[in-house]
Amino acid sequence: MTWHVAEEDLRAYAQGELAPPLLWSADTHLTGCAQCRDRLAGAVDPVALDAGWERLDAELDAPRPGVSERLLVRLGVADHTARLLTATPVLRRSWLLAVVSLLVTTVLAVHLADRPVLFLALAPLLPLAGVALSYGPALDPTYEMAVVAPMHGFRLLMIRTVAVLTAGLAFNGLATLALPGYGLLALTWLLPALALTATGLALTPRLGSTLAPALVGGAWLTLLAVAHAHTHGTLAPFTAAGQSASAAVAALAAVLLYQTRDRFDARPVGGFADGGAV
């Protein structure tokens, strides 16, 4: 060692009064300098010394933020919010690649079969599935952190939902650009997607985080099957009347979701017992 912590800095460190960046420099130096550790041991009581080393261990063991997390923080997002956003399971590479592959396959099938309903039926289900898979101890690596996060459960729900919807709707939108021959018909998945996602969220406190989206997705597929059996042209959900109905359902579900927002604080988001009311 070519230098040692100054006596006054060592006393300030022992009293917990040394401010950064001198604090960081002293922490780093003390890890490798036995002489300064001996001087520090004579300046503090054992309890204060143990507390200092615990703080140092916590700083050394703290997880390092990834590129996306650092970018969100630079954009003004709070660090704990950025951590919850970037840790959303369905925003990981495996999920995103699976969604892209599914959309590409569907678009190719539409071009080969000339049946845009294949894409229109699938696109609204992807955001619903993404939101449903964003919560719970089985899939969420930050579940324990989310449980103790200093925020309301409803706010956490909205943070994760916005993140998933942003990614899901963006990919769906890019897939829509690959279907220019269908004009505005290729965009009629958007309102049903919002309606399904909002309805699934509104039913989650009462039906559970698995059963609610499963029932909503099943109802959507049933509706399409019935419409297909009684219609030879454009299916009802993708007509002007169907789009208006989707907008009304989305608005109603949003109101119900807001009215039940306190239920998400009764248990951690994603921790609802499937099929059990809160």
Protein backbone atom coordinates (compact mmCIF):
# COMPACT_ATOMS: atom_id res chain seq x y z
CA MET A 1 0.00 0.00 0.00
CA THR A 2 1.40 3.44 -0.91
CA TRP A 3 -1.15 5.34 1.18
CA HIS A 4 -3.45 4.87 4.14
CA VAL A 5 -6.71 6.39 5.27
CA ALA A 6 -6.06 9.69 7.05
CA GLU A 7 -6.64 9.72 10.82
CA GLU A 8 -9.48 12.26 10.64
CA ASP A 9 -11.15 10.34 7.79
CA LEU A 10 -10.81 7.11 9.77
CA ARG A 11 -12.51 8.71 12.80
CA ALA A 12 -15.31 10.05 10.58
CA TYR A 13 -15.69 6.60 9.01
CA ALA A 14 -15.91 5.00 12.46
CA GLN A 15 -18.66 7.45 13.45
CA GLY A 16 -20.57 6.94 10.20
CA GLU A 17 -20.00 10.55 9.16
CA LEU A 18 -17.64 10.08 6.22
CA ALA A 19 -19.38 11.19 3.02
CA PRO A 20 -18.88 9.89 -0.55
CA PRO A 21 -16.59 9.71 -2.43
CA LEU A 22 -14.19 9.45 0.54
CA LEU A 23 -16.49 6.81 2.04
CA TRP A 24 -16.23 4.63 -1.07
CA SER A 25 -12.45 5.08 -1.17
CA ALA A 26 -12.14 4.12 2.49
CA ASP A 27 -14.40 1.07 2.02
CA THR A 28 -12.28 -0.16 -0.89
CA HIS A 29 -8.99 0.51 0.90
CA LEU A 30 -10.02 -1.24 4.11
CA THR A 31 -10.81 -4.47 2.26
CA GLY A 32 -7.11 -4.86 1.41
CA CYS A 33 -5.25 -3.04 4.18
CA ALA A 34 -4.81 -4.90 7.47
CA GLN A 35 -2.99 -1.96 9.05
CA CYS A 36 -5.91 0.42 8.53
CA ARG A 37 -8.35 -2.22 9.76
CA ASP A 38 -6.33 -2.52 12.97
CA ARG A 39 -6.39 1.27 13.37
CA LEU A 40 -10.14 1.24 12.74
CA ALA A 41 -10.69 -1.52 15.31
CA GLY A 42 -9.07 0.65 17.95
CA ALA A 43 -11.26 3.62 17.05
CA VAL A 44 -14.68 1.98 17.18
CA ASP A 45 -16.62 -0.40 19.33
CA PRO A 46 -17.25 -3.92 17.92
CA VAL A 47 -20.94 -3.28 17.26
CA ALA A 48 -20.26 -0.25 15.08
CA LEU A 49 -17.50 -2.09 13.25
CA ASP A 50 -19.77 -5.06 12.48
CA ALA A 51 -22.43 -2.69 11.16
CA GLY A 52 -19.89 -1.10 8.84
CA TRP A 53 -18.78 -4.42 7.41
CA GLU A 54 -22.40 -5.50 6.93
CA ARG A 55 -22.98 -2.34 4.93
CA LEU A 56 -19.91 -3.04 2.82
CA ASP A 57 -21.01 -6.64 2.19
CA ALA A 58 -24.47 -5.44 1.14
CA GLU A 59 -22.95 -2.98 -1.34
CA LEU A 60 -20.60 -5.59 -2.80
CA ASP A 61 -23.40 -8.16 -3.15
CA ALA A 62 -25.95 -5.75 -4.64
CA PRO A 63 -27.07 -6.87 -8.14
CA ARG A 64 -25.69 -4.82 -10.99
CA PRO A 65 -28.33 -3.16 -13.18
CA GLY A 66 -28.58 -4.26 -16.79
CA VAL A 67 -28.54 -2.06 -19.89
CA SER A 68 -32.33 -1.70 -20.02
CA GLU A 69 -32.52 -0.86 -16.34
CA ARG A 70 -29.81 1.81 -16.61
CA LEU A 71 -31.55 3.31 -19.65
CA LEU A 72 -34.86 3.55 -17.79
CA VAL A 73 -33.16 5.21 -14.83
CA ARG A 74 -31.54 7.78 -17.13
CA LEU A 75 -34.96 8.49 -18.60
CA GLY A 76 -36.18 9.45 -15.15
CA VAL A 77 -37.75 6.18 -13.99
CA ALA A 78 -37.20 5.45 -10.29
CA ASP A 79 -34.58 2.76 -9.71
CA HIS A 80 -36.95 0.35 -7.94
CA THR A 81 -39.56 0.83 -10.68
CA ALA A 82 -36.93 0.22 -13.36
CA ARG A 83 -35.90 -3.01 -11.60
CA LEU A 84 -39.50 -4.25 -11.52
CA LEU A 85 -40.01 -3.36 -15.18
CA THR A 86 -36.89 -5.00 -16.55
CA ALA A 87 -37.46 -8.12 -14.45
CA THR A 88 -40.93 -8.71 -15.92
CA PRO A 89 -40.70 -12.37 -17.04
CA VAL A 90 -42.50 -11.97 -20.37
CA LEU A 91 -40.13 -9.19 -21.42
CA ARG A 92 -37.22 -11.62 -21.42
CA ARG A 93 -35.58 -12.76 -24.62
CA SER A 94 -37.15 -16.22 -24.64
CA TRP A 95 -40.71 -14.88 -24.45
CA LEU A 96 -40.10 -12.14 -27.00
CA LEU A 97 -38.54 -14.58 -29.46
CA ALA A 98 -41.50 -16.94 -29.00
CA VAL A 99 -43.97 -14.12 -29.69
CA VAL A 100 -42.06 -12.99 -32.78
CA SER A 101 -41.88 -16.55 -34.11
CA LEU A 102 -45.60 -17.08 -33.54
CA LEU A 103 -46.51 -13.82 -35.26
CA VAL A 104 -44.24 -14.52 -38.23
CA THR A 105 -45.73 -18.00 -38.63
CA THR A 106 -49.26 -16.59 -38.42
CA VAL A 107 -48.56 -13.86 -40.98
CA LEU A 108 -47.10 -16.44 -43.39
CA ALA A 109 -50.19 -18.63 -42.90
CA VAL A 110 -52.45 -15.65 -43.63
CA HIS A 111 -50.61 -14.97 -46.89
CA LEU A 112 -50.82 -18.61 -47.92
CA ALA A 113 -54.46 -19.19 -46.96
CA ASP A 114 -55.75 -15.63 -47.50
CA ARG A 115 -57.53 -15.82 -44.13
CA PRO A 116 -56.78 -12.68 -42.06
CA VAL A 117 -59.00 -14.04 -39.30
CA LEU A 118 -56.07 -16.28 -38.28
CA PHE A 119 -54.07 -13.22 -37.31
CA LEU A 120 -57.04 -11.27 -35.96
CA ALA A 121 -57.97 -14.14 -33.64
CA LEU A 122 -54.43 -14.58 -32.30
CA ALA A 123 -53.27 -10.98 -31.90
CA PRO A 124 -55.68 -10.03 -29.05
CA LEU A 125 -54.69 -13.12 -27.06
CA LEU A 126 -50.97 -12.30 -26.90
CA PRO A 127 -51.25 -9.20 -24.66
CA LEU A 128 -53.75 -11.03 -22.45
CA ALA A 129 -51.38 -13.99 -22.05
CA GLY A 130 -48.41 -11.69 -21.49
CA VAL A 131 -50.11 -9.82 -18.67
CA ALA A 132 -51.34 -13.08 -17.10
CA LEU A 133 -47.80 -14.51 -17.09
CA SER A 134 -46.21 -11.40 -15.57
CA TYR A 135 -47.10 -12.16 -11.98
CA GLY A 136 -46.76 -14.91 -9.42
CA PRO A 137 -43.97 -16.75 -7.59
CA ALA A 138 -43.67 -19.45 -10.26
CA LEU A 139 -42.59 -17.13 -13.06
CA ASP A 140 -41.57 -13.81 -11.52
CA PRO A 141 -37.92 -13.74 -10.35
CA THR A 142 -38.65 -10.58 -8.35
CA TYR A 143 -41.78 -11.91 -6.66
CA GLU A 144 -40.37 -11.47 -3.13
CA MET A 145 -39.18 -7.97 -4.00
CA ALA A 146 -42.60 -7.12 -5.41
CA VAL A 147 -44.28 -8.34 -2.22
CA VAL A 148 -42.27 -5.96 -0.04
CA ALA A 149 -42.07 -3.12 -2.59
CA PRO A 150 -43.11 0.22 -1.04
CA MET A 151 -46.02 0.71 -3.42
CA HIS A 152 -49.65 -0.25 -3.73
CA GLY A 153 -50.42 -3.55 -5.42
CA PHE A 154 -52.56 -1.79 -8.01
CA ARG A 155 -49.70 0.49 -9.01
CA LEU A 156 -47.40 -2.51 -9.38
CA LEU A 157 -50.06 -4.17 -11.51
CA MET A 158 -50.25 -1.11 -13.78
CA ILE A 159 -46.47 -0.87 -14.10
CA ARG A 160 -46.18 -4.46 -15.25
CA THR A 161 -49.26 -4.20 -17.49
CA VAL A 162 -47.97 -1.10 -19.29
CA ALA A 163 -44.61 -2.80 -19.85
CA VAL A 164 -46.20 -5.93 -21.29
CA LEU A 165 -48.74 -4.05 -23.41
CA THR A 166 -46.06 -1.77 -24.83
CA ALA A 167 -43.97 -4.73 -25.98
CA GLY A 168 -46.93 -6.87 -27.11
CA LEU A 169 -48.77 -4.16 -29.02
CA ALA A 170 -45.52 -3.06 -30.67
CA PHE A 171 -44.87 -6.56 -32.03
CA ASN A 172 -48.50 -6.92 -33.10
CA GLY A 173 -48.26 -3.58 -34.85
CA LEU A 174 -45.15 -4.63 -36.76
CA ALA A 175 -46.91 -7.83 -37.81
CA THR A 176 -49.86 -5.75 -39.04
CA LEU A 177 -47.51 -3.89 -41.40
CA ALA A 178 -46.85 -7.23 -43.11
CA LEU A 179 -50.54 -7.41 -44.08
CA PRO A 180 -50.99 -4.21 -46.13
CA GLY A 181 -53.42 -5.84 -48.56
CA TYR A 182 -56.16 -6.05 -45.92
CA GLY A 183 -56.23 -2.33 -45.19
CA LEU A 184 -57.96 -1.24 -41.99
CA LEU A 185 -59.20 -4.80 -41.40
CA ALA A 186 -55.68 -5.72 -40.32
CA LEU A 187 -55.94 -3.22 -37.45
CA THR A 188 -59.20 -4.49 -35.99
CA TRP A 189 -57.32 -6.66 -33.45
CA LEU A 190 -56.37 -3.61 -31.36
CA LEU A 191 -59.67 -2.85 -29.60
CA PRO A 192 -60.39 -6.53 -28.86
CA ALA A 193 -56.86 -6.82 -27.42
CA LEU A 194 -57.50 -3.92 -25.05
CA ALA A 195 -60.94 -5.30 -24.14
CA LEU A 196 -59.61 -8.79 -23.37
CA THR A 197 -56.68 -7.52 -21.32
CA ALA A 198 -58.78 -5.07 -19.31
CA THR A 199 -61.46 -7.69 -18.67
CA GLY A 200 -58.91 -10.27 -17.54
CA LEU A 201 -57.38 -7.78 -15.11
CA ALA A 202 -60.78 -6.70 -13.77
CA LEU A 203 -61.71 -10.33 -13.02
CA THR A 204 -58.35 -11.27 -11.46
CA PRO A 205 -59.15 -10.25 -7.84
CA ARG A 206 -62.24 -12.46 -7.80
CA LEU A 207 -61.29 -15.39 -10.05
CA GLY A 208 -57.53 -15.56 -9.67
CA SER A 209 -54.57 -14.72 -11.87
CA THR A 210 -54.87 -17.95 -13.89
CA LEU A 211 -58.59 -18.62 -14.14
CA ALA A 212 -59.58 -15.06 -15.07
CA PRO A 213 -57.46 -14.73 -18.25
CA ALA A 214 -58.18 -18.36 -19.16
CA LEU A 215 -61.93 -17.74 -19.09
CA VAL A 216 -61.59 -14.48 -21.02
CA GLY A 217 -59.45 -16.13 -23.68
CA GLY A 218 -61.86 -19.05 -23.94
CA ALA A 219 -64.82 -16.69 -24.28
CA TRP A 220 -63.00 -14.88 -27.12
CA LEU A 221 -62.36 -18.10 -29.03
CA THR A 222 -65.96 -19.21 -28.46
CA LEU A 223 -67.25 -15.90 -29.78
CA LEU A 224 -65.15 -16.25 -32.92
CA ALA A 225 -66.36 -19.83 -33.46
CA VAL A 226 -70.01 -18.77 -33.15
CA ALA A 227 -69.47 -15.79 -35.44
CA HIS A 228 -67.71 -17.98 -37.99
CA ALA A 229 -70.61 -20.46 -37.98
CA HIS A 230 -73.19 -17.75 -38.70
CA THR A 231 -71.20 -15.38 -40.93
CA HIS A 232 -69.77 -15.82 -44.40
CA GLY A 233 -68.08 -12.42 -44.64
CA THR A 234 -66.18 -10.39 -42.06
CA LEU A 235 -66.67 -11.81 -38.59
CA ALA A 236 -68.79 -9.71 -36.23
CA PRO A 237 -65.97 -8.70 -33.81
CA PHE A 238 -64.11 -7.08 -36.70
CA THR A 239 -67.01 -5.05 -38.09
CA ALA A 240 -67.82 -1.48 -37.08
CA ALA A 241 -70.43 -2.70 -34.60
CA GLY A 242 -68.03 -5.26 -33.16
CA GLN A 243 -65.31 -2.66 -32.78
CA SER A 244 -67.72 -0.36 -30.94
CA ALA A 245 -68.65 -3.22 -28.64
CA SER A 246 -64.97 -3.93 -27.94
CA ALA A 247 -64.38 -0.28 -27.07
CA ALA A 248 -67.38 -0.31 -24.72
CA VAL A 249 -66.19 -3.53 -23.02
CA ALA A 250 -62.68 -2.10 -22.61
CA ALA A 251 -64.05 1.10 -21.05
CA LEU A 252 -66.38 -0.80 -18.70
CA ALA A 253 -63.62 -3.20 -17.65
CA ALA A 254 -61.29 -0.26 -16.98
CA VAL A 255 -63.89 1.31 -14.70
CA LEU A 256 -64.43 -1.98 -12.84
CA LEU A 257 -60.68 -2.46 -12.52
CA TYR A 258 -60.30 0.99 -11.00
CA GLN A 259 -63.16 0.40 -8.58
CA THR A 260 -61.57 -2.83 -7.36
CA ARG A 261 -58.05 -1.40 -7.15
CA ASP A 262 -57.90 -1.80 -3.37
CA ARG A 263 -58.38 -5.57 -3.72
CA PHE A 264 -54.90 -5.81 -5.21
CA ASP A 265 -53.49 -4.66 -1.86
CA ALA A 266 -55.22 -7.46 0.04
CA ARG A 267 -52.66 -9.92 -1.35
CA PRO A 268 -49.52 -9.44 -3.46
CA VAL A 269 -50.21 -9.15 -7.16
CA GLY A 270 -49.92 -12.61 -8.69
CA GLY A 271 -50.49 -14.22 -5.31
CA PHE A 272 -54.24 -14.62 -5.63
CA ALA A 273 -55.54 -18.09 -4.98
CA ASP A 274 -56.88 -19.32 -8.27
CA GLY A 275 -60.62 -19.51 -8.19
CA GLY A 276 -60.82 -17.86 -4.74
CA ALA A 277 -62.33 -14.48 -4.06
CA VAL A 278 -60.33 -11.89 -2.18
